[in-house]
N, C-alpha and C. Protein backbone atom coordinates (compact mmCIF):
# COMPACT_ATOMS: atom_id res chain seq x y z
N MET A 1 -18.66 -47.14 -6.46
CA MET A 1 -17.55 -46.48 -7.11
C MET A 1 -17.98 -45.90 -8.45
N GLU A 2 -18.74 -46.71 -9.19
CA GLU A 2 -19.23 -46.27 -10.48
C GLU A 2 -20.20 -45.10 -10.32
N SER A 3 -21.06 -45.14 -9.32
CA SER A 3 -22.02 -44.06 -9.11
C SER A 3 -21.32 -42.78 -8.68
N GLN A 4 -20.19 -42.92 -7.99
CA GLN A 4 -19.41 -41.74 -7.59
C GLN A 4 -18.88 -41.02 -8.83
N LYS A 5 -18.40 -41.76 -9.82
CA LYS A 5 -17.89 -41.16 -11.05
C LYS A 5 -19.01 -40.46 -11.82
N ILE A 6 -20.18 -41.09 -11.85
CA ILE A 6 -21.30 -40.50 -12.57
C ILE A 6 -21.73 -39.21 -11.88
N SER A 7 -21.81 -39.20 -10.57
CA SER A 7 -22.21 -37.99 -9.86
C SER A 7 -21.17 -36.89 -10.03
N ASP A 8 -19.87 -37.28 -10.07
CA ASP A 8 -18.83 -36.28 -10.34
C ASP A 8 -18.98 -35.70 -11.74
N ASN A 9 -19.28 -36.57 -12.71
CA ASN A 9 -19.48 -36.10 -14.09
C ASN A 9 -20.68 -35.16 -14.19
N PHE A 10 -21.77 -35.50 -13.48
CA PHE A 10 -22.94 -34.63 -13.50
C PHE A 10 -22.66 -33.30 -12.81
N SER A 11 -21.92 -33.32 -11.72
CA SER A 11 -21.60 -32.06 -11.06
C SER A 11 -20.66 -31.21 -11.93
N ASP A 12 -19.72 -31.86 -12.62
CA ASP A 12 -18.86 -31.13 -13.55
C ASP A 12 -19.68 -30.55 -14.71
N LEU A 13 -20.60 -31.37 -15.21
CA LEU A 13 -21.46 -30.92 -16.29
C LEU A 13 -22.33 -29.76 -15.83
N ASN A 14 -22.87 -29.84 -14.64
CA ASN A 14 -23.68 -28.77 -14.08
C ASN A 14 -22.86 -27.49 -13.97
N GLY A 15 -21.64 -27.59 -13.48
CA GLY A 15 -20.77 -26.42 -13.39
C GLY A 15 -20.44 -25.85 -14.76
N ASN A 16 -20.18 -26.72 -15.72
CA ASN A 16 -19.88 -26.27 -17.08
C ASN A 16 -21.09 -25.58 -17.73
N VAL A 17 -22.28 -26.13 -17.51
CA VAL A 17 -23.49 -25.53 -18.07
C VAL A 17 -23.72 -24.15 -17.45
N LYS A 18 -23.55 -24.02 -16.13
CA LYS A 18 -23.70 -22.73 -15.47
C LYS A 18 -22.69 -21.72 -16.02
N GLU A 19 -21.46 -22.15 -16.20
CA GLU A 19 -20.43 -21.26 -16.74
C GLU A 19 -20.76 -20.86 -18.17
N TYR A 20 -21.23 -21.83 -18.97
CA TYR A 20 -21.60 -21.53 -20.36
C TYR A 20 -22.74 -20.51 -20.42
N VAL A 21 -23.76 -20.70 -19.59
CA VAL A 21 -24.89 -19.78 -19.57
C VAL A 21 -24.42 -18.39 -19.13
N HIS A 22 -23.56 -18.34 -18.12
CA HIS A 22 -23.02 -17.06 -17.66
C HIS A 22 -22.21 -16.37 -18.77
N LEU A 23 -21.39 -17.12 -19.49
CA LEU A 23 -20.60 -16.54 -20.59
C LEU A 23 -21.50 -16.07 -21.73
N ARG A 24 -22.53 -16.84 -22.06
CA ARG A 24 -23.45 -16.42 -23.12
C ARG A 24 -24.20 -15.14 -22.71
N PHE A 25 -24.58 -15.05 -21.45
CA PHE A 25 -25.25 -13.85 -20.95
C PHE A 25 -24.32 -12.64 -21.05
N ASN A 26 -23.07 -12.82 -20.68
CA ASN A 26 -22.10 -11.72 -20.80
C ASN A 26 -21.88 -11.33 -22.26
N LEU A 27 -21.85 -12.32 -23.14
CA LEU A 27 -21.70 -12.04 -24.57
C LEU A 27 -22.88 -11.23 -25.09
N MET A 28 -24.09 -11.61 -24.69
CA MET A 28 -25.27 -10.86 -25.11
C MET A 28 -25.22 -9.42 -24.59
N LYS A 29 -24.78 -9.23 -23.36
CA LYS A 29 -24.65 -7.87 -22.81
C LYS A 29 -23.65 -7.06 -23.63
N LEU A 30 -22.54 -7.67 -23.99
CA LEU A 30 -21.54 -6.96 -24.79
C LEU A 30 -22.06 -6.62 -26.19
N ILE A 31 -22.77 -7.55 -26.80
CA ILE A 31 -23.32 -7.30 -28.14
C ILE A 31 -24.35 -6.18 -28.08
N ILE A 32 -25.22 -6.21 -27.07
CA ILE A 32 -26.24 -5.16 -26.94
C ILE A 32 -25.57 -3.81 -26.68
N THR A 33 -24.53 -3.80 -25.85
CA THR A 33 -23.82 -2.55 -25.58
C THR A 33 -23.18 -2.01 -26.86
N GLU A 34 -22.59 -2.88 -27.66
CA GLU A 34 -21.98 -2.45 -28.92
C GLU A 34 -23.02 -1.89 -29.88
N LYS A 35 -24.17 -2.55 -29.98
CA LYS A 35 -25.23 -2.09 -30.88
C LYS A 35 -25.78 -0.73 -30.42
N LEU A 36 -26.00 -0.58 -29.11
CA LEU A 36 -26.50 0.69 -28.59
C LEU A 36 -25.49 1.82 -28.81
N ALA A 37 -24.21 1.50 -28.66
CA ALA A 37 -23.18 2.51 -28.92
C ALA A 37 -23.18 2.91 -30.39
N SER A 38 -23.35 1.96 -31.28
CA SER A 38 -23.39 2.27 -32.71
C SER A 38 -24.60 3.13 -33.06
N VAL A 39 -25.76 2.78 -32.51
CA VAL A 39 -26.97 3.55 -32.77
C VAL A 39 -26.83 4.96 -32.19
N GLY A 40 -26.30 5.07 -30.97
CA GLY A 40 -26.10 6.38 -30.35
C GLY A 40 -25.15 7.24 -31.15
N THR A 41 -24.07 6.64 -31.63
CA THR A 41 -23.11 7.37 -32.45
C THR A 41 -23.76 7.85 -33.75
N TYR A 42 -24.56 7.00 -34.36
CA TYR A 42 -25.26 7.37 -35.59
C TYR A 42 -26.16 8.58 -35.35
N PHE A 43 -26.92 8.55 -34.26
CA PHE A 43 -27.81 9.67 -33.96
C PHE A 43 -27.05 10.95 -33.64
N ILE A 44 -25.97 10.84 -32.89
CA ILE A 44 -25.19 12.03 -32.55
C ILE A 44 -24.60 12.66 -33.81
N ILE A 45 -24.03 11.85 -34.68
CA ILE A 45 -23.46 12.37 -35.92
C ILE A 45 -24.54 13.00 -36.79
N THR A 46 -25.69 12.37 -36.85
CA THR A 46 -26.80 12.92 -37.64
C THR A 46 -27.25 14.26 -37.08
N VAL A 47 -27.38 14.37 -35.78
CA VAL A 47 -27.82 15.62 -35.15
C VAL A 47 -26.77 16.72 -35.38
N VAL A 48 -25.50 16.39 -35.24
CA VAL A 48 -24.44 17.39 -35.45
C VAL A 48 -24.46 17.91 -36.88
N PHE A 49 -24.58 17.01 -37.86
CA PHE A 49 -24.63 17.45 -39.25
C PHE A 49 -25.90 18.26 -39.53
N PHE A 50 -27.01 17.89 -38.91
CA PHE A 50 -28.24 18.64 -39.10
C PHE A 50 -28.10 20.06 -38.54
N ILE A 51 -27.50 20.19 -37.38
CA ILE A 51 -27.29 21.52 -36.79
C ILE A 51 -26.35 22.35 -37.67
N LEU A 52 -25.27 21.75 -38.16
CA LEU A 52 -24.37 22.47 -39.06
C LEU A 52 -25.10 22.91 -40.33
N PHE A 53 -25.93 22.03 -40.88
CA PHE A 53 -26.70 22.38 -42.06
C PHE A 53 -27.63 23.56 -41.78
N LEU A 54 -28.27 23.57 -40.60
CA LEU A 54 -29.16 24.68 -40.26
C LEU A 54 -28.40 26.00 -40.15
N PHE A 55 -27.19 25.97 -39.56
CA PHE A 55 -26.39 27.19 -39.48
C PHE A 55 -26.01 27.69 -40.87
N VAL A 56 -25.59 26.80 -41.74
CA VAL A 56 -25.23 27.20 -43.11
C VAL A 56 -26.44 27.78 -43.81
N LEU A 57 -27.59 27.14 -43.65
CA LEU A 57 -28.81 27.63 -44.27
C LEU A 57 -29.21 29.00 -43.73
N MET A 58 -29.03 29.18 -42.43
CA MET A 58 -29.38 30.47 -41.82
C MET A 58 -28.48 31.58 -42.38
N PHE A 59 -27.17 31.33 -42.47
CA PHE A 59 -26.28 32.36 -42.98
C PHE A 59 -26.49 32.62 -44.47
N LEU A 60 -26.79 31.59 -45.23
CA LEU A 60 -27.10 31.81 -46.65
C LEU A 60 -28.38 32.64 -46.80
N SER A 61 -29.36 32.37 -45.96
CA SER A 61 -30.60 33.16 -46.00
C SER A 61 -30.33 34.62 -45.65
N LEU A 62 -29.56 34.82 -44.62
CA LEU A 62 -29.21 36.19 -44.23
C LEU A 62 -28.43 36.88 -45.34
N ALA A 63 -27.52 36.16 -45.97
CA ALA A 63 -26.76 36.76 -47.07
C ALA A 63 -27.68 37.13 -48.23
N PHE A 64 -28.65 36.27 -48.53
CA PHE A 64 -29.59 36.61 -49.59
C PHE A 64 -30.40 37.85 -49.25
N ILE A 65 -30.88 37.92 -48.01
CA ILE A 65 -31.67 39.08 -47.59
C ILE A 65 -30.86 40.36 -47.71
N LEU A 66 -29.62 40.32 -47.27
CA LEU A 66 -28.77 41.51 -47.36
C LEU A 66 -28.44 41.86 -48.82
N TRP A 67 -28.20 40.85 -49.63
CA TRP A 67 -27.94 41.09 -51.06
C TRP A 67 -29.18 41.70 -51.73
N PHE A 68 -30.34 41.12 -51.41
CA PHE A 68 -31.58 41.62 -52.00
C PHE A 68 -31.82 43.08 -51.62
N ARG A 69 -31.55 43.42 -50.36
CA ARG A 69 -31.72 44.80 -49.91
C ARG A 69 -30.78 45.74 -50.66
N GLU A 70 -29.59 45.26 -50.91
CA GLU A 70 -28.57 46.09 -51.58
C GLU A 70 -28.91 46.35 -53.05
N TYR A 71 -29.42 45.32 -53.74
CA TYR A 71 -29.56 45.44 -55.19
C TYR A 71 -31.00 45.52 -55.69
N ALA A 72 -31.99 45.04 -54.93
CA ALA A 72 -33.32 44.94 -55.52
C ALA A 72 -34.41 45.67 -54.75
N GLY A 73 -34.34 45.75 -53.46
CA GLY A 73 -35.43 46.38 -52.73
C GLY A 73 -35.28 46.23 -51.23
N PRO A 74 -36.36 46.45 -50.50
CA PRO A 74 -36.29 46.41 -49.04
C PRO A 74 -36.00 45.00 -48.51
N SER A 75 -35.40 44.98 -47.34
CA SER A 75 -34.99 43.69 -46.77
C SER A 75 -36.19 42.85 -46.36
N TRP A 76 -37.32 43.46 -46.03
CA TRP A 76 -38.48 42.68 -45.63
C TRP A 76 -39.03 41.87 -46.81
N VAL A 77 -38.86 42.39 -48.02
CA VAL A 77 -39.28 41.63 -49.20
C VAL A 77 -38.36 40.42 -49.39
N GLY A 78 -37.06 40.63 -49.17
CA GLY A 78 -36.12 39.51 -49.25
C GLY A 78 -36.43 38.45 -48.21
N ALA A 79 -36.81 38.89 -46.99
CA ALA A 79 -37.17 37.94 -45.94
C ALA A 79 -38.43 37.16 -46.32
N LEU A 80 -39.39 37.83 -46.94
CA LEU A 80 -40.60 37.14 -47.39
C LEU A 80 -40.29 36.12 -48.49
N ILE A 81 -39.38 36.48 -49.38
CA ILE A 81 -38.97 35.54 -50.43
C ILE A 81 -38.33 34.30 -49.81
N VAL A 82 -37.42 34.52 -48.85
CA VAL A 82 -36.76 33.40 -48.18
C VAL A 82 -37.80 32.54 -47.45
N ALA A 83 -38.74 33.18 -46.74
CA ALA A 83 -39.78 32.43 -46.04
C ALA A 83 -40.64 31.62 -47.01
N GLY A 84 -40.96 32.21 -48.15
CA GLY A 84 -41.73 31.48 -49.16
C GLY A 84 -40.98 30.28 -49.70
N VAL A 85 -39.69 30.46 -49.95
CA VAL A 85 -38.87 29.34 -50.43
C VAL A 85 -38.83 28.24 -49.38
N TYR A 86 -38.68 28.61 -48.10
CA TYR A 86 -38.68 27.61 -47.03
C TYR A 86 -40.02 26.89 -46.94
N MET A 87 -41.10 27.59 -47.14
CA MET A 87 -42.41 26.95 -47.09
C MET A 87 -42.57 25.94 -48.22
N VAL A 88 -42.12 26.29 -49.41
CA VAL A 88 -42.20 25.36 -50.55
C VAL A 88 -41.32 24.15 -50.29
N ILE A 89 -40.10 24.38 -49.83
CA ILE A 89 -39.19 23.27 -49.53
C ILE A 89 -39.76 22.40 -48.41
N GLY A 90 -40.33 23.04 -47.38
CA GLY A 90 -40.94 22.29 -46.28
C GLY A 90 -42.09 21.42 -46.75
N PHE A 91 -42.92 21.93 -47.65
CA PHE A 91 -44.03 21.15 -48.20
C PHE A 91 -43.51 19.96 -49.01
N ILE A 92 -42.49 20.19 -49.82
CA ILE A 92 -41.90 19.10 -50.61
C ILE A 92 -41.29 18.04 -49.70
N VAL A 93 -40.57 18.48 -48.68
CA VAL A 93 -39.96 17.53 -47.73
C VAL A 93 -41.04 16.75 -47.00
N TYR A 94 -42.14 17.41 -46.63
CA TYR A 94 -43.24 16.72 -45.97
C TYR A 94 -43.82 15.64 -46.88
N LEU A 95 -43.99 15.94 -48.14
CA LEU A 95 -44.54 14.95 -49.07
C LEU A 95 -43.59 13.78 -49.28
N LEU A 96 -42.30 14.05 -49.25
CA LEU A 96 -41.30 13.00 -49.50
C LEU A 96 -40.64 12.49 -48.22
N ARG A 97 -41.27 12.70 -47.06
CA ARG A 97 -40.63 12.37 -45.78
C ARG A 97 -40.30 10.89 -45.65
N ASN A 98 -41.15 10.01 -46.14
CA ASN A 98 -40.85 8.58 -46.04
C ASN A 98 -39.62 8.22 -46.86
N LYS A 99 -39.58 8.72 -48.08
CA LYS A 99 -38.48 8.38 -48.97
C LYS A 99 -37.17 9.04 -48.53
N LEU A 100 -37.25 10.26 -48.01
CA LEU A 100 -36.04 11.00 -47.64
C LEU A 100 -35.50 10.65 -46.26
N PHE A 101 -36.38 10.39 -45.30
CA PHE A 101 -35.93 10.25 -43.93
C PHE A 101 -36.25 8.90 -43.31
N ILE A 102 -37.51 8.49 -43.34
CA ILE A 102 -37.93 7.32 -42.59
C ILE A 102 -37.32 6.05 -43.15
N ASN A 103 -37.42 5.83 -44.45
CA ASN A 103 -36.87 4.60 -45.03
C ASN A 103 -35.35 4.49 -44.86
N PRO A 104 -34.57 5.54 -45.13
CA PRO A 104 -33.12 5.43 -44.88
C PRO A 104 -32.79 5.23 -43.40
N LEU A 105 -33.55 5.86 -42.51
CA LEU A 105 -33.30 5.70 -41.08
C LEU A 105 -33.56 4.27 -40.64
N VAL A 106 -34.68 3.70 -41.07
CA VAL A 106 -35.01 2.32 -40.73
C VAL A 106 -33.97 1.38 -41.33
N ALA A 107 -33.55 1.63 -42.55
CA ALA A 107 -32.55 0.77 -43.18
C ALA A 107 -31.22 0.83 -42.43
N GLN A 108 -30.79 2.02 -42.04
CA GLN A 108 -29.52 2.16 -41.34
C GLN A 108 -29.58 1.51 -39.95
N LEU A 109 -30.67 1.74 -39.23
CA LEU A 109 -30.81 1.13 -37.90
C LEU A 109 -30.90 -0.38 -38.00
N SER A 110 -31.61 -0.89 -38.99
CA SER A 110 -31.68 -2.34 -39.19
C SER A 110 -30.31 -2.91 -39.52
N LYS A 111 -29.56 -2.19 -40.32
CA LYS A 111 -28.21 -2.64 -40.67
C LYS A 111 -27.33 -2.71 -39.42
N ILE A 112 -27.44 -1.69 -38.56
CA ILE A 112 -26.63 -1.67 -37.34
C ILE A 112 -27.05 -2.78 -36.39
N ILE A 113 -28.35 -2.91 -36.16
CA ILE A 113 -28.83 -3.84 -35.15
C ILE A 113 -28.74 -5.28 -35.62
N LEU A 114 -29.07 -5.55 -36.87
CA LEU A 114 -29.10 -6.92 -37.36
C LEU A 114 -27.80 -7.37 -37.99
N GLU A 115 -26.77 -6.55 -37.90
CA GLU A 115 -25.48 -6.90 -38.47
C GLU A 115 -24.92 -8.14 -37.80
N ASP A 116 -24.48 -9.08 -38.60
CA ASP A 116 -23.92 -10.32 -38.08
C ASP A 116 -22.44 -10.11 -37.81
N ASP A 117 -22.04 -10.30 -36.55
CA ASP A 117 -20.67 -10.04 -36.15
C ASP A 117 -19.78 -11.26 -36.20
N ASP A 118 -20.30 -12.40 -36.69
CA ASP A 118 -19.48 -13.61 -36.76
C ASP A 118 -18.46 -13.46 -37.88
N LYS A 119 -17.21 -13.50 -37.49
CA LYS A 119 -16.12 -13.37 -38.47
C LYS A 119 -15.28 -14.63 -38.50
N ASP A 120 -15.90 -15.75 -38.10
CA ASP A 120 -15.17 -17.03 -38.06
C ASP A 120 -14.98 -17.59 -39.44
């Protein structure tokens, strides 16, 4: 009789452990899904703002070229000036790429992935 109770307790414990492991696995899947969604959203927003920035930059460049043609000289000279400015800016961005892009990106991704969701 006593051994029957112990075997029932072990079978209940076995069932509870299996259920606990299954629930923890589901929790991990949900947490990973949430983190991936946050990272994906961050990248999508970053890409959209980058594309908008490129369009604004393109139209400002075109406006400068047209203004330069109107008031100072031929449009090809204005285009060369714009290209030169882009080359200087590109060189500066290349030199500061870690500080401007890589470090903030790593910090933001680390913040998203390593964020503690316990609100107990």
